[in-house]
Amino acid sequence: MPQTALPPLYSRAVLGLNGGPTDGLVVRLGCELARGRAMELIALHVIEVDWRHDLSEDLASSNATASAVLDLAENIAEQNKVTLRTGLLQAREVGAALVDEAAELAADVMIVGLPYRQRFGGDFAIGDVIPYVFQNASCTVLVARESVGDGSGRRADRSAISFGRAS
């Protein structure tokens, strides 16, 4: 009996990549959701442009780090036999760029990564991108958080996944 594609949980996912330790996790999670389903994956990396530069300056195309981030995503998707489209954006604010692009692409889910880091003094630091995305995204938001170290200098094997939905 021929295999038919499973119905998609989501039809289009935007994967927000930041060049950090969670990028692989974000792409693998997207691939797991898309495997065997008619689901489109779009990996986006946003280059934050400071106020000294004009947004029309092309800072993205010559950025080797940004290319490496998207190459990693493509390699992971290829290993998982999933089709992935990539995009490179320039913006003043990463969160706003991800939210706007997800809306423009009519994405019904966004997956972003959250590295486990602490501020001086031990408080957990979430940054400003994730809260902005949670508050402003019109689609479901999945956050893949990096594992917490176990005190031995090694990372624990599991990652925490939290789910958020725009109201």
N, C-alpha and C. Protein backbone atom coordinates (compact mmCIF):
# COMPACT_ATOMS: atom_id res chain seq x y z
N MET A 1 0.84 -1.16 0.00
CA MET A 1 0.00 0.00 0.00
C MET A 1 0.90 1.24 0.00
N PRO A 2 0.68 2.20 -0.91
CA PRO A 2 1.52 3.39 -0.96
C PRO A 2 1.31 4.26 0.28
N GLN A 3 2.42 4.86 0.71
CA GLN A 3 2.34 5.74 1.88
C GLN A 3 1.80 7.10 1.46
N THR A 4 0.84 7.57 2.21
CA THR A 4 0.31 8.90 1.96
C THR A 4 0.86 9.84 3.02
N ALA A 5 0.96 11.09 2.66
CA ALA A 5 1.48 12.09 3.60
C ALA A 5 0.49 12.27 4.74
N LEU A 6 1.03 12.40 5.93
CA LEU A 6 0.20 12.66 7.10
C LEU A 6 -0.35 14.08 7.01
N PRO A 7 -1.50 14.32 7.60
CA PRO A 7 -1.99 15.69 7.60
C PRO A 7 -1.05 16.57 8.42
N PRO A 8 -0.79 17.77 7.95
CA PRO A 8 0.16 18.61 8.68
C PRO A 8 -0.43 19.15 9.98
N LEU A 9 0.40 19.20 11.01
CA LEU A 9 0.00 19.90 12.24
C LEU A 9 -0.08 21.39 11.94
N TYR A 10 0.88 21.82 11.14
CA TYR A 10 0.98 23.21 10.70
C TYR A 10 1.31 23.17 9.21
N SER A 11 0.96 24.20 8.48
CA SER A 11 1.26 24.20 7.05
C SER A 11 2.56 24.92 6.73
N ARG A 12 2.92 25.92 7.54
CA ARG A 12 4.14 26.68 7.25
C ARG A 12 4.78 27.10 8.57
N ALA A 13 6.06 26.77 8.72
CA ALA A 13 6.79 27.11 9.94
C ALA A 13 7.95 28.03 9.62
N VAL A 14 8.09 29.07 10.42
CA VAL A 14 9.27 29.93 10.36
C VAL A 14 10.18 29.51 11.50
N LEU A 15 11.44 29.24 11.16
CA LEU A 15 12.44 28.86 12.15
C LEU A 15 13.36 30.05 12.35
N GLY A 16 13.35 30.64 13.52
CA GLY A 16 14.20 31.78 13.82
C GLY A 16 15.56 31.32 14.31
N LEU A 17 16.60 31.59 13.54
CA LEU A 17 17.95 31.15 13.89
C LEU A 17 18.79 32.35 14.29
N ASN A 18 19.59 32.18 15.34
CA ASN A 18 20.38 33.30 15.85
C ASN A 18 21.88 33.07 15.81
N GLY A 19 22.32 31.94 15.25
CA GLY A 19 23.75 31.65 15.22
C GLY A 19 24.26 31.10 16.53
N GLY A 20 23.37 30.74 17.42
CA GLY A 20 23.76 30.25 18.73
C GLY A 20 23.61 28.74 18.87
N PRO A 21 23.76 28.27 20.11
CA PRO A 21 23.76 26.82 20.36
C PRO A 21 22.41 26.14 20.15
N THR A 22 21.34 26.89 20.03
CA THR A 22 20.02 26.27 19.86
C THR A 22 19.59 26.12 18.40
N ASP A 23 20.37 26.63 17.47
CA ASP A 23 19.96 26.58 16.06
C ASP A 23 19.71 25.15 15.58
N GLY A 24 20.61 24.25 15.91
CA GLY A 24 20.44 22.85 15.50
C GLY A 24 19.17 22.26 16.08
N LEU A 25 18.89 22.56 17.33
CA LEU A 25 17.68 22.07 17.99
C LEU A 25 16.43 22.62 17.32
N VAL A 26 16.44 23.89 16.99
CA VAL A 26 15.29 24.52 16.33
C VAL A 26 15.03 23.86 14.97
N VAL A 27 16.08 23.65 14.19
CA VAL A 27 15.90 23.04 12.86
C VAL A 27 15.46 21.59 12.99
N ARG A 28 16.06 20.84 13.91
CA ARG A 28 15.65 19.44 14.10
C ARG A 28 14.19 19.34 14.54
N LEU A 29 13.76 20.24 15.42
CA LEU A 29 12.36 20.24 15.84
C LEU A 29 11.45 20.54 14.66
N GLY A 30 11.82 21.52 13.85
CA GLY A 30 11.04 21.81 12.64
C GLY A 30 10.98 20.62 11.70
N CYS A 31 12.11 19.94 11.54
CA CYS A 31 12.15 18.75 10.67
C CYS A 31 11.26 17.64 11.21
N GLU A 32 11.25 17.46 12.53
CA GLU A 32 10.38 16.44 13.13
C GLU A 32 8.91 16.75 12.87
N LEU A 33 8.55 18.01 12.99
CA LEU A 33 7.16 18.40 12.73
C LEU A 33 6.78 18.22 11.26
N ALA A 34 7.75 18.43 10.37
CA ALA A 34 7.47 18.39 8.93
C ALA A 34 7.61 17.01 8.31
N ARG A 35 8.37 16.12 8.94
CA ARG A 35 8.67 14.82 8.33
C ARG A 35 7.38 14.07 7.99
N GLY A 36 7.27 13.69 6.72
CA GLY A 36 6.13 12.91 6.25
C GLY A 36 4.86 13.73 6.09
N ARG A 37 4.97 15.04 6.20
CA ARG A 37 3.80 15.91 6.09
C ARG A 37 4.04 16.96 5.01
N ALA A 38 2.97 17.51 4.49
CA ALA A 38 3.08 18.59 3.52
C ALA A 38 3.19 19.90 4.29
N MET A 39 4.38 20.15 4.81
CA MET A 39 4.62 21.34 5.63
C MET A 39 5.83 22.07 5.10
N GLU A 40 5.72 23.37 4.98
CA GLU A 40 6.83 24.18 4.48
C GLU A 40 7.64 24.73 5.65
N LEU A 41 8.97 24.56 5.57
CA LEU A 41 9.88 25.09 6.59
C LEU A 41 10.68 26.24 5.99
N ILE A 42 10.74 27.34 6.72
CA ILE A 42 11.51 28.51 6.28
C ILE A 42 12.41 28.94 7.43
N ALA A 43 13.71 28.79 7.24
CA ALA A 43 14.69 29.19 8.25
C ALA A 43 15.12 30.62 7.99
N LEU A 44 15.00 31.46 9.00
CA LEU A 44 15.37 32.87 8.86
C LEU A 44 16.46 33.24 9.85
N HIS A 45 17.42 33.99 9.36
CA HIS A 45 18.45 34.57 10.23
C HIS A 45 18.38 36.07 10.04
N VAL A 46 18.29 36.79 11.15
CA VAL A 46 18.17 38.25 11.10
C VAL A 46 19.48 38.88 11.56
N ILE A 47 20.02 39.73 10.72
CA ILE A 47 21.20 40.51 11.10
C ILE A 47 20.70 41.83 11.65
N GLU A 48 21.04 42.08 12.91
CA GLU A 48 20.60 43.31 13.56
C GLU A 48 21.51 44.45 13.10
N VAL A 49 20.91 45.47 12.54
CA VAL A 49 21.64 46.62 12.00
C VAL A 49 21.55 47.76 13.01
N ASP A 50 22.70 48.21 13.49
CA ASP A 50 22.67 49.30 14.46
C ASP A 50 22.40 50.63 13.76
N TRP A 51 22.23 51.66 14.56
CA TRP A 51 21.80 52.95 14.03
C TRP A 51 22.89 53.68 13.27
N ARG A 52 24.13 53.20 13.33
CA ARG A 52 25.21 53.84 12.55
C ARG A 52 25.10 53.50 11.07
N HIS A 53 24.35 52.46 10.76
CA HIS A 53 24.21 52.01 9.37
C HIS A 53 22.78 52.23 8.89
N ASP A 54 22.65 52.47 7.62
CA ASP A 54 21.35 52.59 7.00
C ASP A 54 20.82 51.18 6.72
N LEU A 55 19.53 50.98 6.88
CA LEU A 55 18.96 49.65 6.61
C LEU A 55 19.11 49.23 5.16
N SER A 56 19.27 50.19 4.26
CA SER A 56 19.42 49.85 2.84
C SER A 56 20.82 49.34 2.51
N GLU A 57 21.79 49.52 3.41
CA GLU A 57 23.14 48.98 3.18
C GLU A 57 23.06 47.46 3.18
N ASP A 58 23.76 46.84 2.26
CA ASP A 58 23.74 45.38 2.17
C ASP A 58 24.83 44.81 3.08
N LEU A 59 24.47 44.57 4.33
CA LEU A 59 25.41 43.99 5.29
C LEU A 59 25.28 42.47 5.32
N ALA A 60 24.16 41.96 4.86
CA ALA A 60 23.87 40.53 4.98
C ALA A 60 24.62 39.67 3.98
N SER A 61 24.70 40.08 2.73
CA SER A 61 25.24 39.20 1.70
C SER A 61 26.71 38.86 1.90
N SER A 62 27.46 39.76 2.53
CA SER A 62 28.89 39.48 2.73
C SER A 62 29.19 38.94 4.12
N ASN A 63 28.16 38.61 4.88
CA ASN A 63 28.34 38.14 6.24
C ASN A 63 28.54 36.63 6.26
N ALA A 64 29.78 36.21 6.50
CA ALA A 64 30.12 34.78 6.49
C ALA A 64 29.42 34.03 7.62
N THR A 65 29.27 34.66 8.77
CA THR A 65 28.61 34.01 9.90
C THR A 65 27.16 33.70 9.56
N ALA A 66 26.47 34.65 8.95
CA ALA A 66 25.08 34.45 8.57
C ALA A 66 24.95 33.32 7.56
N SER A 67 25.86 33.27 6.61
CA SER A 67 25.84 32.19 5.62
C SER A 67 26.06 30.84 6.29
N ALA A 68 26.95 30.80 7.28
CA ALA A 68 27.23 29.55 7.99
C ALA A 68 26.00 29.08 8.77
N VAL A 69 25.26 30.01 9.35
CA VAL A 69 24.04 29.68 10.10
C VAL A 69 23.04 29.01 9.17
N LEU A 70 22.82 29.60 8.00
CA LEU A 70 21.85 29.04 7.06
C LEU A 70 22.34 27.75 6.42
N ASP A 71 23.66 27.64 6.20
CA ASP A 71 24.23 26.39 5.68
C ASP A 71 24.00 25.24 6.66
N LEU A 72 24.20 25.51 7.95
CA LEU A 72 23.97 24.50 8.98
C LEU A 72 22.52 24.03 8.94
N ALA A 73 21.59 24.97 8.83
CA ALA A 73 20.17 24.63 8.76
C ALA A 73 19.87 23.76 7.55
N GLU A 74 20.43 24.12 6.40
CA GLU A 74 20.22 23.33 5.19
C GLU A 74 20.78 21.93 5.34
N ASN A 75 21.95 21.80 5.95
CA ASN A 75 22.56 20.48 6.15
C ASN A 75 21.72 19.61 7.05
N ILE A 76 21.21 20.16 8.13
CA ILE A 76 20.37 19.39 9.05
C ILE A 76 19.09 18.95 8.34
N ALA A 77 18.47 19.84 7.59
CA ALA A 77 17.25 19.50 6.86
C ALA A 77 17.53 18.40 5.83
N GLU A 78 18.66 18.51 5.15
CA GLU A 78 19.03 17.50 4.15
C GLU A 78 19.23 16.14 4.82
N GLN A 79 19.90 16.12 5.96
CA GLN A 79 20.09 14.86 6.70
C GLN A 79 18.75 14.25 7.11
N ASN A 80 17.78 15.10 7.39
CA ASN A 80 16.46 14.64 7.81
C ASN A 80 15.50 14.45 6.63
N LYS A 81 16.02 14.65 5.41
CA LYS A 81 15.23 14.48 4.19
C LYS A 81 13.96 15.35 4.20
N VAL A 82 14.17 16.61 4.60
CA VAL A 82 13.08 17.58 4.65
C VAL A 82 13.50 18.79 3.82
N THR A 83 12.55 19.34 3.07
CA THR A 83 12.83 20.53 2.28
C THR A 83 12.78 21.77 3.17
N LEU A 84 13.79 22.61 3.01
CA LEU A 84 13.90 23.82 3.82
C LEU A 84 14.28 24.99 2.93
N ARG A 85 13.57 26.08 3.10
CA ARG A 85 13.89 27.34 2.43
C ARG A 85 14.59 28.23 3.44
N THR A 86 15.55 29.02 3.00
CA THR A 86 16.25 29.90 3.93
C THR A 86 16.11 31.36 3.51
N GLY A 87 16.26 32.23 4.49
CA GLY A 87 16.20 33.66 4.21
C GLY A 87 17.07 34.42 5.18
N LEU A 88 17.63 35.50 4.68
CA LEU A 88 18.50 36.36 5.47
C LEU A 88 17.89 37.76 5.48
N LEU A 89 17.65 38.30 6.67
CA LEU A 89 17.01 39.60 6.81
C LEU A 89 17.94 40.57 7.53
N GLN A 90 17.74 41.84 7.27
CA GLN A 90 18.41 42.91 8.01
C GLN A 90 17.33 43.73 8.68
N ALA A 91 17.52 44.03 9.96
CA ALA A 91 16.51 44.81 10.68
C ALA A 91 17.13 45.47 11.90
N ARG A 92 16.44 46.45 12.41
CA ARG A 92 16.88 47.11 13.65
C ARG A 92 16.59 46.21 14.85
N GLU A 93 15.45 45.52 14.82
CA GLU A 93 15.03 44.67 15.93
C GLU A 93 14.75 43.26 15.42
N VAL A 94 15.40 42.27 16.01
CA VAL A 94 15.26 40.88 15.56
C VAL A 94 13.83 40.38 15.77
N GLY A 95 13.28 40.60 16.96
CA GLY A 95 11.93 40.10 17.25
C GLY A 95 10.90 40.65 16.29
N ALA A 96 10.95 41.95 16.04
CA ALA A 96 9.99 42.57 15.13
C ALA A 96 10.14 42.02 13.72
N ALA A 97 11.38 41.79 13.29
CA ALA A 97 11.61 41.25 11.94
C ALA A 97 11.03 39.84 11.82
N LEU A 98 11.24 39.01 12.84
CA LEU A 98 10.70 37.64 12.80
C LEU A 98 9.18 37.65 12.78
N VAL A 99 8.58 38.45 13.64
CA VAL A 99 7.11 38.53 13.70
C VAL A 99 6.54 39.04 12.38
N ASP A 100 7.12 40.10 11.84
CA ASP A 100 6.62 40.66 10.58
C ASP A 100 6.78 39.68 9.42
N GLU A 101 7.93 39.01 9.36
CA GLU A 101 8.16 38.06 8.27
C GLU A 101 7.24 36.86 8.38
N ALA A 102 7.02 36.37 9.60
CA ALA A 102 6.10 35.24 9.80
C ALA A 102 4.69 35.62 9.35
N ALA A 103 4.27 36.83 9.65
CA ALA A 103 2.94 37.29 9.22
C ALA A 103 2.88 37.42 7.70
N GLU A 104 3.93 37.98 7.11
CA GLU A 104 3.96 38.14 5.65
C GLU A 104 3.96 36.79 4.94
N LEU A 105 4.62 35.80 5.53
CA LEU A 105 4.68 34.46 4.93
C LEU A 105 3.46 33.62 5.29
N ALA A 106 2.56 34.15 6.09
CA ALA A 106 1.37 33.43 6.56
C ALA A 106 1.75 32.15 7.30
N ALA A 107 2.78 32.24 8.12
CA ALA A 107 3.21 31.08 8.91
C ALA A 107 2.19 30.83 10.01
N ASP A 108 1.94 29.57 10.31
CA ASP A 108 1.03 29.26 11.41
C ASP A 108 1.78 28.78 12.64
N VAL A 109 3.11 28.67 12.54
CA VAL A 109 3.93 28.37 13.71
C VAL A 109 5.32 28.99 13.52
N MET A 110 5.88 29.46 14.63
CA MET A 110 7.25 29.96 14.62
C MET A 110 8.01 29.19 15.70
N ILE A 111 9.20 28.73 15.36
CA ILE A 111 10.04 28.02 16.32
C ILE A 111 11.30 28.84 16.52
N VAL A 112 11.58 29.17 17.76
CA VAL A 112 12.77 29.94 18.09
C VAL A 112 13.52 29.24 19.21
N GLY A 113 14.81 29.52 19.30
CA GLY A 113 15.65 28.91 20.32
C GLY A 113 15.99 29.88 21.42
N LEU A 114 16.15 29.34 22.61
CA LEU A 114 16.52 30.14 23.77
C LEU A 114 17.73 29.50 24.44
N PRO A 115 18.90 30.11 24.31
CA PRO A 115 20.07 29.54 24.99
C PRO A 115 19.91 29.68 26.50
N TYR A 116 20.44 28.73 27.23
CA TYR A 116 20.40 28.84 28.69
C TYR A 116 21.55 29.71 29.12
N ARG A 117 21.24 30.88 29.64
CA ARG A 117 22.29 31.78 30.11
C ARG A 117 21.77 32.50 31.34
N GLN A 118 22.73 32.93 32.12
CA GLN A 118 22.38 33.65 33.34
C GLN A 118 23.05 35.01 33.34
N ARG A 119 22.35 35.95 33.91
CA ARG A 119 22.92 37.28 34.13
C ARG A 119 23.88 37.18 35.30
N PHE A 120 24.68 38.21 35.42
CA PHE A 120 25.53 38.31 36.60
C PHE A 120 24.62 38.29 37.82
N GLY A 121 24.90 37.44 38.75
CA GLY A 121 24.06 37.31 39.93
C GLY A 121 23.20 36.06 39.90
N GLY A 122 23.19 35.35 38.77
CA GLY A 122 22.52 34.06 38.71
C GLY A 122 21.10 34.05 38.20
N ASP A 123 20.50 35.22 37.92
CA ASP A 123 19.14 35.23 37.39
C ASP A 123 19.13 34.73 35.96
N PHE A 124 18.12 33.93 35.62
CA PHE A 124 17.98 33.42 34.26
C PHE A 124 17.69 34.59 33.33
N ALA A 125 18.38 34.65 32.20
CA ALA A 125 18.22 35.75 31.24
C ALA A 125 17.50 35.26 30.00
N ILE A 126 16.36 35.87 29.69
CA ILE A 126 15.58 35.45 28.52
C ILE A 126 15.79 36.40 27.34
N GLY A 127 16.37 37.56 27.57
CA GLY A 127 16.60 38.51 26.49
C GLY A 127 15.34 39.27 26.14
N ASP A 128 15.35 39.93 24.97
CA ASP A 128 14.18 40.72 24.58
C ASP A 128 13.47 40.18 23.34
N VAL A 129 14.09 39.26 22.60
CA VAL A 129 13.47 38.73 21.38
C VAL A 129 12.29 37.81 21.72
N ILE A 130 12.50 36.85 22.62
CA ILE A 130 11.44 35.88 22.94
C ILE A 130 10.20 36.58 23.51
N PRO A 131 10.33 37.47 24.50
CA PRO A 131 9.12 38.15 24.98
C PRO A 131 8.40 38.94 23.87
N TYR A 132 9.17 39.58 22.99
CA TYR A 132 8.54 40.33 21.89
C TYR A 132 7.76 39.38 20.98
N VAL A 133 8.38 38.25 20.64
CA VAL A 133 7.71 37.28 19.76
C VAL A 133 6.45 36.74 20.43
N PHE A 134 6.54 36.38 21.73
CA PHE A 134 5.36 35.89 22.45
C PHE A 134 4.23 36.91 22.43
N GLN A 135 4.54 38.17 22.63
CA GLN A 135 3.52 39.20 22.71
C GLN A 135 2.93 39.57 21.36
N ASN A 136 3.70 39.46 20.29
CA ASN A 136 3.27 40.04 19.02
C ASN A 136 3.03 39.07 17.88
N ALA A 137 3.48 37.84 17.98
CA ALA A 137 3.29 36.89 16.88
C ALA A 137 1.81 36.52 16.77
N SER A 138 1.33 36.45 15.54
CA SER A 138 -0.07 36.07 15.32
C SER A 138 -0.22 34.55 15.17
N CYS A 139 0.89 33.84 15.23
CA CYS A 139 0.87 32.38 15.07
C CYS A 139 1.29 31.70 16.37
N THR A 140 1.19 30.39 16.39
CA THR A 140 1.70 29.60 17.51
C THR A 140 3.20 29.80 17.59
N VAL A 141 3.73 29.85 18.80
CA VAL A 141 5.17 30.02 19.01
C VAL A 141 5.68 28.85 19.85
N LEU A 142 6.69 28.17 19.33
CA LEU A 142 7.36 27.11 20.08
C LEU A 142 8.76 27.60 20.42
N VAL A 143 9.15 27.47 21.68
CA VAL A 143 10.48 27.87 22.10
C VAL A 143 11.24 26.63 22.54
N ALA A 144 12.37 26.40 21.90
CA ALA A 144 13.24 25.28 22.27
C ALA A 144 14.38 25.85 23.10
N ARG A 145 14.37 25.53 24.40
CA ARG A 145 15.40 26.06 25.29
C ARG A 145 16.56 25.08 25.39
N GLU A 146 17.75 25.63 25.36
CA GLU A 146 18.96 24.84 25.52
C GLU A 146 18.94 24.15 26.89
N SER A 147 19.54 22.99 26.96
CA SER A 147 19.61 22.25 28.22
C SER A 147 20.37 23.02 29.28
N VAL A 148 20.00 22.77 30.52
CA VAL A 148 20.71 23.35 31.66
C VAL A 148 21.90 22.46 31.96
N GLY A 149 23.05 23.06 32.23
CA GLY A 149 24.22 22.27 32.59
C GLY A 149 23.96 21.50 33.87
N ASP A 150 24.60 20.36 34.02
CA ASP A 150 24.39 19.53 35.22
C ASP A 150 25.45 19.77 36.29
N GLY A 151 26.25 20.82 36.14
CA GLY A 151 27.26 21.14 37.14
C GLY A 151 28.61 20.53 36.86
N SER A 152 28.68 19.58 35.94
CA SER A 152 29.94 18.92 35.63
C SER A 152 30.62 19.56 34.42
N GLY A 153 30.03 20.62 33.90
CA GLY A 153 30.58 21.24 32.70
C GLY A 153 29.98 20.67 31.43
N ARG A 154 29.20 19.58 31.56
CA ARG A 154 28.53 18.98 30.41
C ARG A 154 27.08 19.40 30.41
N ARG A 155 26.49 19.34 29.26
CA ARG A 155 25.07 19.66 29.14
C ARG A 155 24.25 18.41 29.41
N ALA A 156 23.11 18.61 30.01
CA ALA A 156 22.18 17.50 30.16
C ALA A 156 21.67 17.13 28.77
N ASP A 157 21.15 15.91 28.62
CA ASP A 157 20.74 15.41 27.31
C ASP A 157 19.43 16.01 26.81
N ARG A 158 18.56 16.40 27.69
CA ARG A 158 17.24 16.84 27.26
C ARG A 158 17.14 18.35 27.16
N SER A 159 16.23 18.78 26.34
CA SER A 159 15.94 20.21 26.22
C SER A 159 14.48 20.43 26.60
N ALA A 160 14.22 21.56 27.17
CA ALA A 160 12.85 21.89 27.55
C ALA A 160 12.17 22.58 26.37
N ILE A 161 10.97 22.19 26.10
CA ILE A 161 10.20 22.81 25.03
C ILE A 161 9.00 23.49 25.68
N SER A 162 8.79 24.76 25.40
CA SER A 162 7.61 25.43 25.94
C SER A 162 6.76 25.91 24.77
N PHE A 163 5.49 25.96 24.98
CA PHE A 163 4.56 26.33 23.93
C PHE A 163 3.87 27.62 24.30
N GLY A 164 3.74 28.51 23.33
CA GLY A 164 3.02 29.76 23.56
C GLY A 164 2.10 30.01 22.39
N ARG A 165 1.00 30.63 22.64
CA ARG A 165 0.07 30.95 21.57
C ARG A 165 -0.36 32.40 21.73
N ALA A 166 -0.34 33.10 20.63
CA ALA A 166 -0.78 34.49 20.65
C ALA A 166 -2.28 34.52 20.95
N SER A 167 -2.69 35.50 21.72
CA SER A 167 -4.12 35.58 22.04
C SER A 167 -4.88 36.40 21.03
